[in-house]
Every structure is written in C-alpha cells, then in structure tokens.
Amino acid sequence: MIRLIKTVILIAVFCAATWFGAHWYAEYRVRTAFAEAGLSDRAAACMGERLVRKLSLRQIQRLTALQGAAHTPEGMVEAAHAIDDPRVVKVTATSLLLCSTGFSR
C-alpha cells in the first residue's frame, strides 16, 4: 500500500513538473521572440506572461513557429493573422498594446 502511494505521488510530481516546465518554456520562447522583435525587456516579459496565461500551448507553439518572419512587434501581429485564429490575433494585439504602453498591470 505504501509503495502504491509513493508511486502515485511520484507520478503527480512528474506531471506537475512537466506541466509547469512546458508553460515556463513557452513563456521564455515568447518573451525572447518579442525582445528580438524590438520590445523592451519589460514589455517582452509582459507579453510572454499574458500570452501564456490566455492562449493554449498549441496556439503559442503555432505563434512562435512564425517568429522568424516577424522582426517587429507589428510583424508579430501580422504573423498572428497568418495563423488564422481570431483568439490568437486578439490576444496578441491587445497584449502588445497594453504591454508596450505599460497599462497591463
């Protein structure tokens, strides 16, 4: 019985670490992409946090796959249009506006 409890706890810890690790890595990729696109470090960190909180990991993966095509913040919004997902476009555009002006917090 103790062995079963230990196994369940170990599996739960592994799943939690994988879940949070995936989100942390997605936020890192988004933050880096926006920093390279010309946003300040503070605004890029804000973008990473907002996009990871509001989009699914699949949507973020599709957005960061296009990061090479966008070298400006406006280019990232245009790249979001290329994904053809209205939620990605809305969240990216509003986050860019709020984070670049400092109104996000």
N, C-alpha and C. Protein backbone atom coordinates (compact mmCIF):
# COMPACT_ATOMS: atom_id res chain seq x y z
N MET A 1 0.81 -1.19 0.00
CA MET A 1 0.00 0.00 0.00
C MET A 1 0.87 1.28 0.00
N ILE A 2 1.91 1.29 0.79
CA ILE A 2 2.82 2.43 0.84
C ILE A 2 3.50 2.63 -0.51
N ARG A 3 3.86 1.53 -1.15
CA ARG A 3 4.50 1.60 -2.46
C ARG A 3 3.56 2.24 -3.48
N LEU A 4 2.28 1.92 -3.43
CA LEU A 4 1.29 2.49 -4.34
C LEU A 4 1.16 3.99 -4.11
N ILE A 5 1.13 4.41 -2.85
CA ILE A 5 1.02 5.83 -2.52
C ILE A 5 2.25 6.58 -3.02
N LYS A 6 3.42 6.00 -2.81
CA LYS A 6 4.66 6.63 -3.29
C LYS A 6 4.66 6.76 -4.80
N THR A 7 4.18 5.73 -5.48
CA THR A 7 4.13 5.76 -6.94
C THR A 7 3.17 6.83 -7.44
N VAL A 8 2.01 6.95 -6.82
CA VAL A 8 1.04 7.96 -7.21
C VAL A 8 1.59 9.36 -6.97
N ILE A 9 2.25 9.55 -5.83
CA ILE A 9 2.85 10.86 -5.54
C ILE A 9 3.94 11.18 -6.54
N LEU A 10 4.76 10.22 -6.87
CA LEU A 10 5.83 10.43 -7.84
C LEU A 10 5.28 10.79 -9.21
N ILE A 11 4.22 10.12 -9.63
CA ILE A 11 3.59 10.42 -10.92
C ILE A 11 2.99 11.83 -10.89
N ALA A 12 2.36 12.20 -9.79
CA ALA A 12 1.77 13.54 -9.68
C ALA A 12 2.84 14.62 -9.73
N VAL A 13 3.95 14.39 -9.06
CA VAL A 13 5.06 15.35 -9.08
C VAL A 13 5.63 15.46 -10.48
N PHE A 14 5.79 14.35 -11.17
CA PHE A 14 6.32 14.36 -12.53
C PHE A 14 5.37 15.12 -13.47
N CYS A 15 4.07 14.87 -13.35
CA CYS A 15 3.10 15.56 -14.20
C CYS A 15 3.10 17.06 -13.93
N ALA A 16 3.16 17.45 -12.66
CA ALA A 16 3.19 18.87 -12.32
C ALA A 16 4.45 19.53 -12.86
N ALA A 17 5.59 18.86 -12.71
CA ALA A 17 6.85 19.43 -13.21
C ALA A 17 6.81 19.57 -14.73
N THR A 18 6.25 18.61 -15.41
CA THR A 18 6.14 18.68 -16.87
C THR A 18 5.21 19.81 -17.29
N TRP A 19 4.08 19.94 -16.60
CA TRP A 19 3.10 20.99 -16.92
C TRP A 19 3.71 22.37 -16.74
N PHE A 20 4.30 22.63 -15.57
CA PHE A 20 4.88 23.94 -15.31
C PHE A 20 6.12 24.19 -16.16
N GLY A 21 6.88 23.15 -16.44
CA GLY A 21 8.05 23.30 -17.30
C GLY A 21 7.67 23.68 -18.71
N ALA A 22 6.60 23.09 -19.22
CA ALA A 22 6.15 23.42 -20.57
C ALA A 22 5.68 24.87 -20.64
N HIS A 23 4.96 25.32 -19.64
CA HIS A 23 4.50 26.70 -19.63
C HIS A 23 5.66 27.68 -19.46
N TRP A 24 6.60 27.34 -18.61
CA TRP A 24 7.76 28.20 -18.42
C TRP A 24 8.54 28.33 -19.72
N TYR A 25 8.74 27.21 -20.42
CA TYR A 25 9.49 27.23 -21.68
C TYR A 25 8.73 28.02 -22.75
N ALA A 26 7.42 27.87 -22.80
CA ALA A 26 6.62 28.63 -23.77
C ALA A 26 6.73 30.13 -23.49
N GLU A 27 6.67 30.51 -22.22
CA GLU A 27 6.80 31.92 -21.87
C GLU A 27 8.18 32.44 -22.25
N TYR A 28 9.21 31.64 -22.03
CA TYR A 28 10.57 32.02 -22.40
C TYR A 28 10.68 32.26 -23.90
N ARG A 29 10.11 31.35 -24.70
CA ARG A 29 10.18 31.50 -26.16
C ARG A 29 9.45 32.75 -26.63
N VAL A 30 8.28 33.01 -26.08
CA VAL A 30 7.51 34.20 -26.47
C VAL A 30 8.25 35.46 -26.05
N ARG A 31 8.75 35.47 -24.82
CA ARG A 31 9.48 36.63 -24.31
C ARG A 31 10.70 36.92 -25.18
N THR A 32 11.44 35.89 -25.54
CA THR A 32 12.63 36.05 -26.38
C THR A 32 12.26 36.56 -27.77
N ALA A 33 11.19 36.03 -28.33
CA ALA A 33 10.77 36.46 -29.67
C ALA A 33 10.40 37.93 -29.69
N PHE A 34 9.67 38.39 -28.69
CA PHE A 34 9.30 39.80 -28.66
C PHE A 34 10.48 40.70 -28.32
N ALA A 35 11.39 40.23 -27.51
CA ALA A 35 12.60 41.02 -27.22
C ALA A 35 13.43 41.18 -28.48
N GLU A 36 13.54 40.12 -29.27
CA GLU A 36 14.29 40.20 -30.53
C GLU A 36 13.55 41.05 -31.56
N ALA A 37 12.22 41.17 -31.41
CA ALA A 37 11.44 41.98 -32.34
C ALA A 37 11.51 43.46 -32.02
N GLY A 38 12.16 43.81 -30.91
CA GLY A 38 12.36 45.22 -30.62
C GLY A 38 11.64 45.75 -29.41
N LEU A 39 10.90 44.93 -28.69
CA LEU A 39 10.25 45.40 -27.47
C LEU A 39 11.27 45.48 -26.34
N SER A 40 11.01 46.32 -25.38
CA SER A 40 11.88 46.38 -24.21
C SER A 40 11.77 45.07 -23.44
N ASP A 41 12.73 44.80 -22.59
CA ASP A 41 12.69 43.56 -21.82
C ASP A 41 11.45 43.48 -20.94
N ARG A 42 11.06 44.60 -20.36
CA ARG A 42 9.87 44.62 -19.51
C ARG A 42 8.60 44.31 -20.32
N ALA A 43 8.47 44.93 -21.47
CA ALA A 43 7.29 44.70 -22.31
C ALA A 43 7.29 43.27 -22.86
N ALA A 44 8.47 42.76 -23.22
CA ALA A 44 8.55 41.38 -23.72
C ALA A 44 8.18 40.38 -22.63
N ALA A 45 8.61 40.63 -21.40
CA ALA A 45 8.24 39.75 -20.29
C ALA A 45 6.74 39.80 -20.04
N CYS A 46 6.17 40.99 -20.15
CA CYS A 46 4.72 41.15 -20.00
C CYS A 46 3.98 40.37 -21.09
N MET A 47 4.47 40.46 -22.33
CA MET A 47 3.85 39.73 -23.43
C MET A 47 3.90 38.22 -23.20
N GLY A 48 5.06 37.75 -22.77
CA GLY A 48 5.20 36.32 -22.50
C GLY A 48 4.23 35.84 -21.45
N GLU A 49 4.11 36.59 -20.38
CA GLU A 49 3.21 36.21 -19.30
C GLU A 49 1.76 36.22 -19.75
N ARG A 50 1.35 37.27 -20.45
CA ARG A 50 -0.05 37.38 -20.88
C ARG A 50 -0.42 36.31 -21.91
N LEU A 51 0.46 36.08 -22.88
CA LEU A 51 0.13 35.10 -23.92
C LEU A 51 0.06 33.69 -23.35
N VAL A 52 0.97 33.35 -22.45
CA VAL A 52 0.94 32.00 -21.86
C VAL A 52 -0.30 31.83 -21.00
N ARG A 53 -0.72 32.89 -20.33
CA ARG A 53 -1.90 32.80 -19.48
C ARG A 53 -3.19 32.71 -20.29
N LYS A 54 -3.25 33.34 -21.46
CA LYS A 54 -4.50 33.45 -22.20
C LYS A 54 -4.63 32.51 -23.39
N LEU A 55 -3.53 31.94 -23.86
CA LEU A 55 -3.58 31.04 -25.02
C LEU A 55 -3.20 29.62 -24.61
N SER A 56 -3.62 28.67 -25.43
CA SER A 56 -3.23 27.28 -25.18
C SER A 56 -1.79 27.08 -25.65
N LEU A 57 -1.18 26.00 -25.19
CA LEU A 57 0.20 25.72 -25.60
C LEU A 57 0.28 25.49 -27.10
N ARG A 58 -0.74 24.90 -27.69
CA ARG A 58 -0.74 24.68 -29.14
C ARG A 58 -0.77 26.01 -29.89
N GLN A 59 -1.59 26.95 -29.43
CA GLN A 59 -1.65 28.26 -30.08
C GLN A 59 -0.32 28.99 -29.95
N ILE A 60 0.31 28.89 -28.79
CA ILE A 60 1.61 29.54 -28.59
C ILE A 60 2.66 28.90 -29.48
N GLN A 61 2.60 27.59 -29.62
CA GLN A 61 3.56 26.89 -30.47
C GLN A 61 3.41 27.36 -31.91
N ARG A 62 2.19 27.51 -32.39
CA ARG A 62 1.97 27.98 -33.76
C ARG A 62 2.44 29.42 -33.93
N LEU A 63 2.25 30.24 -32.89
CA LEU A 63 2.69 31.64 -32.95
C LEU A 63 4.21 31.75 -32.95
N THR A 64 4.87 31.00 -32.10
CA THR A 64 6.34 31.09 -32.04
C THR A 64 7.00 30.44 -33.24
N ALA A 65 6.29 29.57 -33.94
CA ALA A 65 6.85 28.99 -35.16
C ALA A 65 7.03 30.05 -36.24
N LEU A 66 6.27 31.13 -36.16
CA LEU A 66 6.35 32.21 -37.15
C LEU A 66 7.26 33.34 -36.71
N GLN A 67 7.97 33.19 -35.59
CA GLN A 67 8.76 34.30 -35.07
C GLN A 67 9.87 34.74 -36.01
N GLY A 68 10.38 33.87 -36.84
CA GLY A 68 11.44 34.26 -37.77
C GLY A 68 10.96 35.21 -38.84
N ALA A 69 9.66 35.17 -39.15
CA ALA A 69 9.11 36.03 -40.19
C ALA A 69 8.82 37.44 -39.68
N ALA A 70 8.75 37.61 -38.38
CA ALA A 70 8.38 38.90 -37.82
C ALA A 70 9.55 39.51 -37.06
N HIS A 71 10.02 40.63 -37.54
CA HIS A 71 11.16 41.28 -36.91
C HIS A 71 10.75 42.56 -36.18
N THR A 72 9.47 42.85 -36.15
CA THR A 72 8.95 44.00 -35.42
C THR A 72 7.72 43.55 -34.63
N PRO A 73 7.31 44.30 -33.63
CA PRO A 73 6.08 43.94 -32.91
C PRO A 73 4.86 43.90 -33.83
N GLU A 74 4.79 44.84 -34.75
CA GLU A 74 3.67 44.85 -35.70
C GLU A 74 3.73 43.62 -36.60
N GLY A 75 4.94 43.17 -36.91
CA GLY A 75 5.11 41.95 -37.70
C GLY A 75 4.60 40.72 -36.97
N MET A 76 4.73 40.73 -35.63
CA MET A 76 4.20 39.61 -34.85
C MET A 76 2.67 39.56 -34.93
N VAL A 77 2.03 40.73 -34.95
CA VAL A 77 0.57 40.76 -35.10
C VAL A 77 0.20 40.26 -36.48
N GLU A 78 0.95 40.67 -37.51
CA GLU A 78 0.69 40.16 -38.86
C GLU A 78 0.91 38.66 -38.93
N ALA A 79 1.93 38.16 -38.22
CA ALA A 79 2.16 36.72 -38.17
C ALA A 79 1.00 36.02 -37.48
N ALA A 80 0.43 36.66 -36.47
CA ALA A 80 -0.73 36.09 -35.79
C ALA A 80 -1.92 35.99 -36.75
N HIS A 81 -2.05 36.95 -37.64
CA HIS A 81 -3.12 36.89 -38.66
C HIS A 81 -2.91 35.69 -39.57
N ALA A 82 -1.66 35.34 -39.85
CA ALA A 82 -1.37 34.21 -40.74
C ALA A 82 -1.80 32.88 -40.12
N ILE A 83 -1.89 32.82 -38.82
CA ILE A 83 -2.32 31.59 -38.16
C ILE A 83 -3.80 31.32 -38.41
N ASP A 84 -4.57 32.38 -38.68
CA ASP A 84 -6.00 32.28 -38.95
C ASP A 84 -6.77 31.77 -37.74
N ASP A 85 -6.42 32.31 -36.58
CA ASP A 85 -7.12 32.01 -35.34
C ASP A 85 -7.45 33.35 -34.69
N PRO A 86 -8.73 33.72 -34.67
CA PRO A 86 -9.09 35.04 -34.16
C PRO A 86 -8.67 35.28 -32.71
N ARG A 87 -8.67 34.25 -31.90
CA ARG A 87 -8.26 34.41 -30.49
C ARG A 87 -6.78 34.78 -30.39
N VAL A 88 -5.94 34.15 -31.20
CA VAL A 88 -4.51 34.46 -31.19
C VAL A 88 -4.28 35.91 -31.62
N VAL A 89 -4.98 36.35 -32.64
CA VAL A 89 -4.84 37.72 -33.13
C VAL A 89 -5.29 38.71 -32.05
N LYS A 90 -6.44 38.45 -31.45
CA LYS A 90 -6.98 39.35 -30.43
C LYS A 90 -6.05 39.45 -29.22
N VAL A 91 -5.61 38.31 -28.71
CA VAL A 91 -4.75 38.32 -27.53
C VAL A 91 -3.40 38.94 -27.83
N THR A 92 -2.84 38.64 -28.99
CA THR A 92 -1.54 39.21 -29.36
C THR A 92 -1.63 40.72 -29.51
N ALA A 93 -2.64 41.19 -30.22
CA ALA A 93 -2.78 42.64 -30.45
C ALA A 93 -3.06 43.40 -29.16
N THR A 94 -3.98 42.91 -28.35
CA THR A 94 -4.29 43.62 -27.10
C THR A 94 -3.12 43.55 -26.12
N SER A 95 -2.45 42.43 -26.07
CA SER A 95 -1.29 42.32 -25.18
C SER A 95 -0.18 43.25 -25.63
N LEU A 96 0.04 43.33 -26.92
CA LEU A 96 1.07 44.23 -27.44
C LEU A 96 0.75 45.68 -27.08
N LEU A 97 -0.50 46.07 -27.23
CA LEU A 97 -0.89 47.43 -26.90
C LEU A 97 -0.74 47.71 -25.41
N LEU A 98 -1.25 46.80 -24.57
CA LEU A 98 -1.18 47.01 -23.13
C LEU A 98 0.25 46.95 -22.59
N CYS A 99 1.03 46.01 -23.08
CA CYS A 99 2.39 45.84 -22.56
C CYS A 99 3.34 46.93 -23.05
N SER A 100 3.18 47.37 -24.28
CA SER A 100 4.10 48.38 -24.79
C SER A 100 3.80 49.77 -24.21
N THR A 101 2.57 49.99 -23.78
CA THR A 101 2.23 51.29 -23.17
C THR A 101 2.38 51.27 -21.66
N GLY A 102 2.46 50.08 -21.06
CA GLY A 102 2.61 49.97 -19.62
C GLY A 102 1.30 49.91 -18.86
N PHE A 103 0.19 49.73 -19.55
CA PHE A 103 -1.12 49.67 -18.91
C PHE A 103 -1.53 48.27 -18.48
N SER A 104 -0.68 47.30 -18.65
CA SER A 104 -1.06 45.91 -18.41
C SER A 104 -1.25 45.57 -16.95
N ARG A 105 -0.60 46.23 -16.06
CA ARG A 105 -0.71 45.89 -14.63
C ARG A 105 -1.53 46.93 -13.98
